[in-house]
Amino acid sequence: MKDGTPADFQLVSDNDRETAMELPERIIEHLQLLANDNGAYQISRLDHVLQTATRCEADGADDDWIIAALCHDMGDILAPYSHAEVAANIIKPFVRDEVYWVVKHHGYFQMHYNTNMTEEKRRSRERFSDSPFYQSAIDFCENWDQCSFDPDYPTQPLEHFASVIKRVFSREPRFRSSM
């Protein structure tokens, strides 16, 4: 890069803009990959996030929360030990801080429901009790995430949420870390 010319960097910048314009379609494609993994649950990971988003929408939540619901487990198949951080960083430029924070930390809050874990791990969410978004994370997990593994729940298909995905991921990013 140290030998790059202004024309070289303009070419890269133009390509980055084109790539960013394709982001909504790539999000949809990645969500579709979740259909191939069920994580040992009764429904696929795709059905889980769609069910989470369906519950979210039914409760009247805004686009940011619906994107959180759709994307919160996107990292499961790529980064099983840091899936929440991966998902949070994907949505971070496009959603408000509260929603980003909840997605980033939802794994700790979901441990509350895992009776196979030690009591100390199940209480791991308590370390975040001073956060202004603590209750939002509890509510996200309680109302939308932890209950969305029901094979009989009437769940909207991915196509139903395509317009929200396009709307949110076509927003001007709040910041750019690399462009």
C-alpha atoms as a PDB file:
ATOM      1  CA  MET A   1       0.000   0.000   0.000  1.00  0.00           C
ATOM      2  CA  LYS A   2       2.870   2.386   0.644  1.00  0.00           C
ATOM      3  CA  ASP A   3       3.467   2.571  -3.109  1.00  0.00           C
ATOM      4  CA  GLY A   4      -0.198   3.188  -3.956  1.00  0.00           C
ATOM      5  CA  THR A   5      -1.114   6.166  -6.091  1.00  0.00           C
ATOM      6  CA  PRO A   6      -4.185   8.361  -5.672  1.00  0.00           C
ATOM      7  CA  ALA A   7      -5.675   6.561  -8.682  1.00  0.00           C
ATOM      8  CA  ASP A   8      -5.052   3.190  -7.004  1.00  0.00           C
ATOM      9  CA  PHE A   9      -6.786   4.294  -3.836  1.00  0.00           C
ATOM     10  CA  GLN A  10      -9.681   5.805  -5.809  1.00  0.00           C
ATOM     11  CA  LEU A  11     -10.164   2.411  -7.449  1.00  0.00           C
ATOM     12  CA  VAL A  12     -10.250   0.749  -4.020  1.00  0.00           C
ATOM     13  CA  SER A  13     -12.640   3.395  -2.694  1.00  0.00           C
ATOM     14  CA  ASP A  14     -14.983   2.924  -5.651  1.00  0.00           C
ATOM     15  CA  ASN A  15     -14.921  -0.834  -5.109  1.00  0.00           C
ATOM     16  CA  ASP A  16     -15.648  -0.397  -1.392  1.00  0.00           C
ATOM     17  CA  ARG A  17     -18.727   1.695  -2.231  1.00  0.00           C
ATOM     18  CA  GLU A  18     -19.962  -0.982  -4.639  1.00  0.00           C
ATOM     19  CA  THR A  19     -19.393  -3.672  -2.014  1.00  0.00           C
ATOM     20  CA  ALA A  20     -21.307  -1.643   0.578  1.00  0.00           C
ATOM     21  CA  MET A  21     -24.251  -1.280  -1.809  1.00  0.00           C
ATOM     22  CA  GLU A  22     -24.433  -5.084  -2.037  1.00  0.00           C
ATOM     23  CA  LEU A  23     -24.517  -5.516   1.743  1.00  0.00           C
ATOM     24  CA  PRO A  24     -28.289  -6.140   2.086  1.00  0.00           C
ATOM     25  CA  GLU A  25     -28.118  -9.006  -0.414  1.00  0.00           C
ATOM     26  CA  ARG A  26     -25.059 -10.493   1.300  1.00  0.00           C
ATOM     27  CA  ILE A  27     -26.830 -10.329   4.670  1.00  0.00           C
ATOM     28  CA  ILE A  28     -29.775 -12.230   3.184  1.00  0.00           C
ATOM     29  CA  GLU A  29     -27.417 -14.804   1.620  1.00  0.00           C
ATOM     30  CA  HIS A  30     -25.638 -15.343   4.926  1.00  0.00           C
ATOM     31  CA  LEU A  31     -28.905 -15.710   6.801  1.00  0.00           C
ATOM     32  CA  GLN A  32     -29.898 -18.390   4.285  1.00  0.00           C
ATOM     33  CA  LEU A  33     -26.768 -20.348   5.269  1.00  0.00           C
ATOM     34  CA  LEU A  34     -28.231 -20.701   8.760  1.00  0.00           C
ATOM     35  CA  ALA A  35     -30.864 -23.035   7.297  1.00  0.00           C
ATOM     36  CA  ASN A  36     -28.186 -25.726   7.021  1.00  0.00           C
ATOM     37  CA  ASP A  37     -27.518 -25.911  10.759  1.00  0.00           C
ATOM     38  CA  ASN A  38     -29.886 -26.622  13.601  1.00  0.00           C
ATOM     39  CA  GLY A  39     -27.437 -26.363  16.488  1.00  0.00           C
ATOM     40  CA  ALA A  40     -29.081 -29.518  17.903  1.00  0.00           C
ATOM     41  CA  TYR A  41     -32.383 -27.657  18.335  1.00  0.00           C
ATOM     42  CA  GLN A  42     -35.731 -28.729  16.882  1.00  0.00           C
ATOM     43  CA  ILE A  43     -35.543 -25.947  14.277  1.00  0.00           C
ATOM     44  CA  SER A  44     -32.749 -24.560  12.106  1.00  0.00           C
ATOM     45  CA  ARG A  45     -30.749 -21.542  13.135  1.00  0.00           C
ATOM     46  CA  LEU A  46     -32.480 -19.673  10.308  1.00  0.00           C
ATOM     47  CA  ASP A  47     -35.894 -20.605  11.676  1.00  0.00           C
ATOM     48  CA  HIS A  48     -34.729 -19.478  15.121  1.00  0.00           C
ATOM     49  CA  VAL A  49     -33.719 -15.980  13.984  1.00  0.00           C
ATOM     50  CA  LEU A  50     -36.847 -15.690  11.821  1.00  0.00           C
ATOM     51  CA  GLN A  51     -38.984 -16.713  14.772  1.00  0.00           C
ATOM     52  CA  THR A  52     -37.157 -14.182  16.964  1.00  0.00           C
ATOM     53  CA  ALA A  53     -37.807 -11.472  14.364  1.00  0.00           C
ATOM     54  CA  THR A  54     -41.441 -12.523  13.987  1.00  0.00           C
ATOM     55  CA  ARG A  55     -41.999 -12.172  17.743  1.00  0.00           C
ATOM     56  CA  CYS A  56     -40.173  -8.867  17.713  1.00  0.00           C
ATOM     57  CA  GLU A  57     -42.305  -7.520  14.870  1.00  0.00           C
ATOM     58  CA  ALA A  58     -45.514  -8.791  16.514  1.00  0.00           C
ATOM     59  CA  ASP A  59     -44.595  -6.749  19.598  1.00  0.00           C
ATOM     60  CA  GLY A  60     -44.315  -3.606  17.474  1.00  0.00           C
ATOM     61  CA  ALA A  61     -40.541  -3.295  17.682  1.00  0.00           C
ATOM     62  CA  ASP A  62     -38.754  -0.955  15.285  1.00  0.00           C
ATOM     63  CA  ASP A  63     -36.432  -1.840  12.403  1.00  0.00           C
ATOM     64  CA  ASP A  64     -33.295  -1.794  14.580  1.00  0.00           C
ATOM     65  CA  TRP A  65     -34.720  -4.474  16.885  1.00  0.00           C
ATOM     66  CA  ILE A  66     -35.926  -6.570  13.964  1.00  0.00           C
ATOM     67  CA  ILE A  67     -32.397  -6.464  12.515  1.00  0.00           C
ATOM     68  CA  ALA A  68     -31.038  -7.446  15.926  1.00  0.00           C
ATOM     69  CA  ALA A  69     -33.413 -10.393  15.986  1.00  0.00           C
ATOM     70  CA  LEU A  70     -32.498 -11.476  12.466  1.00  0.00           C
ATOM     71  CA  CYS A  71     -28.748 -11.054  12.876  1.00  0.00           C
ATOM     72  CA  HIS A  72     -28.042 -11.848  16.536  1.00  0.00           C
ATOM     73  CA  ASP A  73     -26.889 -15.407  15.785  1.00  0.00           C
ATOM     74  CA  MET A  74     -25.326 -14.805  12.355  1.00  0.00           C
ATOM     75  CA  GLY A  75     -21.916 -15.585  13.774  1.00  0.00           C
ATOM     76  CA  ASP A  76     -22.891 -19.020  15.124  1.00  0.00           C
ATOM     77  CA  ILE A  77     -21.588 -21.001  12.174  1.00  0.00           C
ATOM     78  CA  LEU A  78     -18.468 -18.868  11.594  1.00  0.00           C
ATOM     79  CA  ALA A  79     -17.456 -17.969  15.128  1.00  0.00           C
ATOM     80  CA  PRO A  80     -19.083 -20.309  17.644  1.00  0.00           C
ATOM     81  CA  TYR A  81     -16.981 -18.905  20.515  1.00  0.00           C
ATOM     82  CA  SER A  82     -17.583 -15.245  19.699  1.00  0.00           C
ATOM     83  CA  HIS A  83     -20.789 -15.281  17.664  1.00  0.00           C
ATOM     84  CA  ALA A  84     -22.417 -12.389  19.493  1.00  0.00           C
ATOM     85  CA  GLU A  85     -19.484 -10.041  18.922  1.00  0.00           C
ATOM     86  CA  VAL A  86     -19.372 -10.978  15.229  1.00  0.00           C
ATOM     87  CA  ALA A  87     -23.080 -10.271  14.784  1.00  0.00           C
ATOM     88  CA  ALA A  88     -22.865  -7.040  16.778  1.00  0.00           C
ATOM     89  CA  ASN A  89     -20.019  -5.724  14.664  1.00  0.00           C
ATOM     90  CA  ILE A  90     -21.917  -6.453  11.456  1.00  0.00           C
ATOM     91  CA  ILE A  91     -24.899  -4.369  12.547  1.00  0.00           C
ATOM     92  CA  LYS A  92     -23.014  -1.710  14.552  1.00  0.00           C
ATOM     93  CA  PRO A  93     -22.771   0.992  11.845  1.00  0.00           C
ATOM     94  CA  PHE A  94     -26.498   0.754  11.091  1.00  0.00           C
ATOM     95  CA  VAL A  95     -28.309   0.523  14.444  1.00  0.00           C
ATOM     96  CA  ARG A  96     -28.411   2.596  17.605  1.00  0.00           C
ATOM     97  CA  ASP A  97     -25.971   1.878  20.450  1.00  0.00           C
ATOM     98  CA  GLU A  98     -28.558   0.140  22.633  1.00  0.00           C
ATOM     99  CA  VAL A  99     -29.313  -2.483  19.975  1.00  0.00           C
ATOM    100  CA  TYR A 100     -25.631  -3.018  19.176  1.00  0.00           C
ATOM    101  CA  TRP A 101     -24.873  -3.492  22.891  1.00  0.00           C
ATOM    102  CA  VAL A 102     -27.685  -5.998  23.390  1.00  0.00           C
ATOM    103  CA  VAL A 103     -26.589  -8.127  20.431  1.00  0.00           C
ATOM    104  CA  LYS A 104     -22.957  -7.971  21.557  1.00  0.00           C
ATOM    105  CA  HIS A 105     -23.830  -9.202  25.050  1.00  0.00           C
ATOM    106  CA  HIS A 106     -26.875 -11.407  24.461  1.00  0.00           C
ATOM    107  CA  GLY A 107     -24.858 -14.613  24.888  1.00  0.00           C
ATOM    108  CA  TYR A 108     -24.212 -13.780  28.530  1.00  0.00           C
ATOM    109  CA  PHE A 109     -27.898 -13.055  29.043  1.00  0.00           C
ATOM    110  CA  GLN A 110     -28.973 -16.292  27.355  1.00  0.00           C
ATOM    111  CA  MET A 111     -26.851 -18.304  29.812  1.00  0.00           C
ATOM    112  CA  HIS A 112     -29.489 -17.437  32.409  1.00  0.00           C
ATOM    113  CA  TYR A 113     -31.781 -20.033  30.798  1.00  0.00           C
ATOM    114  CA  ASN A 114     -29.235 -22.859  30.516  1.00  0.00           C
ATOM    115  CA  THR A 115     -29.845 -25.163  33.459  1.00  0.00           C
ATOM    116  CA  ASN A 116     -26.861 -27.282  32.395  1.00  0.00           C
ATOM    117  CA  MET A 117     -24.457 -24.496  33.428  1.00  0.00           C
ATOM    118  CA  THR A 118     -23.118 -23.678  36.841  1.00  0.00           C
ATOM    119  CA  GLU A 119     -25.033 -21.099  38.822  1.00  0.00           C
ATOM    120  CA  GLU A 120     -22.082 -18.723  38.455  1.00  0.00           C
ATOM    121  CA  LYS A 121     -22.238 -18.911  34.644  1.00  0.00           C
ATOM    122  CA  ARG A 122     -26.029 -18.607  34.681  1.00  0.00           C
ATOM    123  CA  ARG A 123     -25.619 -15.344  36.605  1.00  0.00           C
ATOM    124  CA  SER A 124     -22.925 -13.996  34.255  1.00  0.00           C
ATOM    125  CA  ARG A 125     -25.272 -11.312  32.951  1.00  0.00           C
ATOM    126  CA  GLU A 126     -25.168  -9.642  36.371  1.00  0.00           C
ATOM    127  CA  ARG A 127     -21.707  -8.242  35.603  1.00  0.00           C
ATOM    128  CA  PHE A 128     -23.481  -5.839  33.230  1.00  0.00           C
ATOM    129  CA  SER A 129     -26.105  -4.652  35.720  1.00  0.00           C
ATOM    130  CA  ASP A 130     -24.705  -1.095  35.680  1.00  0.00           C
ATOM    131  CA  SER A 131     -25.253  -0.738  31.949  1.00  0.00           C
ATOM    132  CA  PRO A 132     -28.121   1.483  30.835  1.00  0.00           C
ATOM    133  CA  PHE A 133     -28.959  -1.321  28.371  1.00  0.00           C
ATOM    134  CA  TYR A 134     -29.082  -4.141  30.922  1.00  0.00           C
ATOM    135  CA  GLN A 135     -32.876  -4.356  31.055  1.00  0.00           C
ATOM    136  CA  SER A 136     -33.101  -4.150  27.265  1.00  0.00           C
ATOM    137  CA  ALA A 137     -30.876  -7.240  27.023  1.00  0.00           C
ATOM    138  CA  ILE A 138     -33.000  -9.075  29.582  1.00  0.00           C
ATOM    139  CA  ASP A 139     -36.134  -8.154  27.634  1.00  0.00           C
ATOM    140  CA  PHE A 140     -34.617  -9.149  24.256  1.00  0.00           C
ATOM    141  CA  CYS A 141     -33.680 -12.572  25.570  1.00  0.00           C
ATOM    142  CA  GLU A 142     -36.820 -13.158  27.626  1.00  0.00           C
ATOM    143  CA  ASN A 143     -39.404 -11.947  25.127  1.00  0.00           C
ATOM    144  CA  TRP A 144     -37.855 -12.787  21.783  1.00  0.00           C
ATOM    145  CA  ASP A 145     -34.709 -14.959  21.846  1.00  0.00           C
ATOM    146  CA  GLN A 146     -34.951 -17.718  24.448  1.00  0.00           C
ATOM    147  CA  CYS A 147     -38.504 -18.658  23.484  1.00  0.00           C
ATOM    148  CA  SER A 148     -37.881 -18.827  19.734  1.00  0.00           C
ATOM    149  CA  PHE A 149     -37.075 -22.503  19.310  1.00  0.00           C
ATOM    150  CA  ASP A 150     -40.685 -23.623  18.863  1.00  0.00           C
ATOM    151  CA  PRO A 151     -41.273 -25.766  15.765  1.00  0.00           C
ATOM    152  CA  ASP A 152     -45.001 -24.933  15.918  1.00  0.00           C
ATOM    153  CA  TYR A 153     -44.735 -21.147  16.173  1.00  0.00           C
ATOM    154  CA  PRO A 154     -46.138 -19.378  13.065  1.00  0.00           C
ATOM    155  CA  THR A 155     -42.971 -17.784  11.717  1.00  0.00           C
ATOM    156  CA  GLN A 156     -42.599 -15.293   8.896  1.00  0.00           C
ATOM    157  CA  PRO A 157     -40.253 -16.334   6.040  1.00  0.00           C
ATOM    158  CA  LEU A 158     -37.014 -14.517   5.274  1.00  0.00           C
ATOM    159  CA  GLU A 159     -38.622 -12.816   2.271  1.00  0.00           C
ATOM    160  CA  HIS A 160     -41.008 -11.076   4.664  1.00  0.00           C
ATOM    161  CA  PHE A 161     -38.060  -9.296   6.289  1.00  0.00           C
ATOM    162  CA  ALA A 162     -36.147  -8.478   3.080  1.00  0.00           C
ATOM    163  CA  SER A 163     -37.443  -4.903   2.992  1.00  0.00           C
ATOM    164  CA  VAL A 164     -36.291  -4.238   6.574  1.00  0.00           C
ATOM    165  CA  ILE A 165     -32.863  -5.708   5.782  1.00  0.00           C
ATOM    166  CA  LYS A 166     -32.579  -3.540   2.678  1.00  0.00           C
ATOM    167  CA  ARG A 167     -33.791  -0.439   4.490  1.00  0.00           C
ATOM    168  CA  VAL A 168     -31.408  -0.769   7.454  1.00  0.00           C
ATOM    169  CA  PHE A 169     -28.302  -1.955   5.634  1.00  0.00           C
ATOM    170  CA  SER A 170     -28.743   0.732   2.989  1.00  0.00           C
ATOM    171  CA  ARG A 171     -28.594   3.485   5.610  1.00  0.00           C
ATOM    172  CA  GLU A 172     -25.637   5.798   5.684  1.00  0.00           C
ATOM    173  CA  PRO A 173     -23.367   4.174   8.289  1.00  0.00           C
ATOM    174  CA  ARG A 174     -23.003   6.061  11.553  1.00  0.00           C
ATOM    175  CA  PHE A 175     -19.240   5.603  11.239  1.00  0.00           C
ATOM    176  CA  ARG A 176     -16.747   3.871   9.011  1.00  0.00           C
ATOM    177  CA  SER A 177     -13.834   2.035  10.541  1.00  0.00           C
ATOM    178  CA  SER A 178     -12.079   1.072   7.327  1.00  0.00           C
ATOM    179  CA  MET A 179     -13.417   3.067   4.383  1.00  0.00           C
END
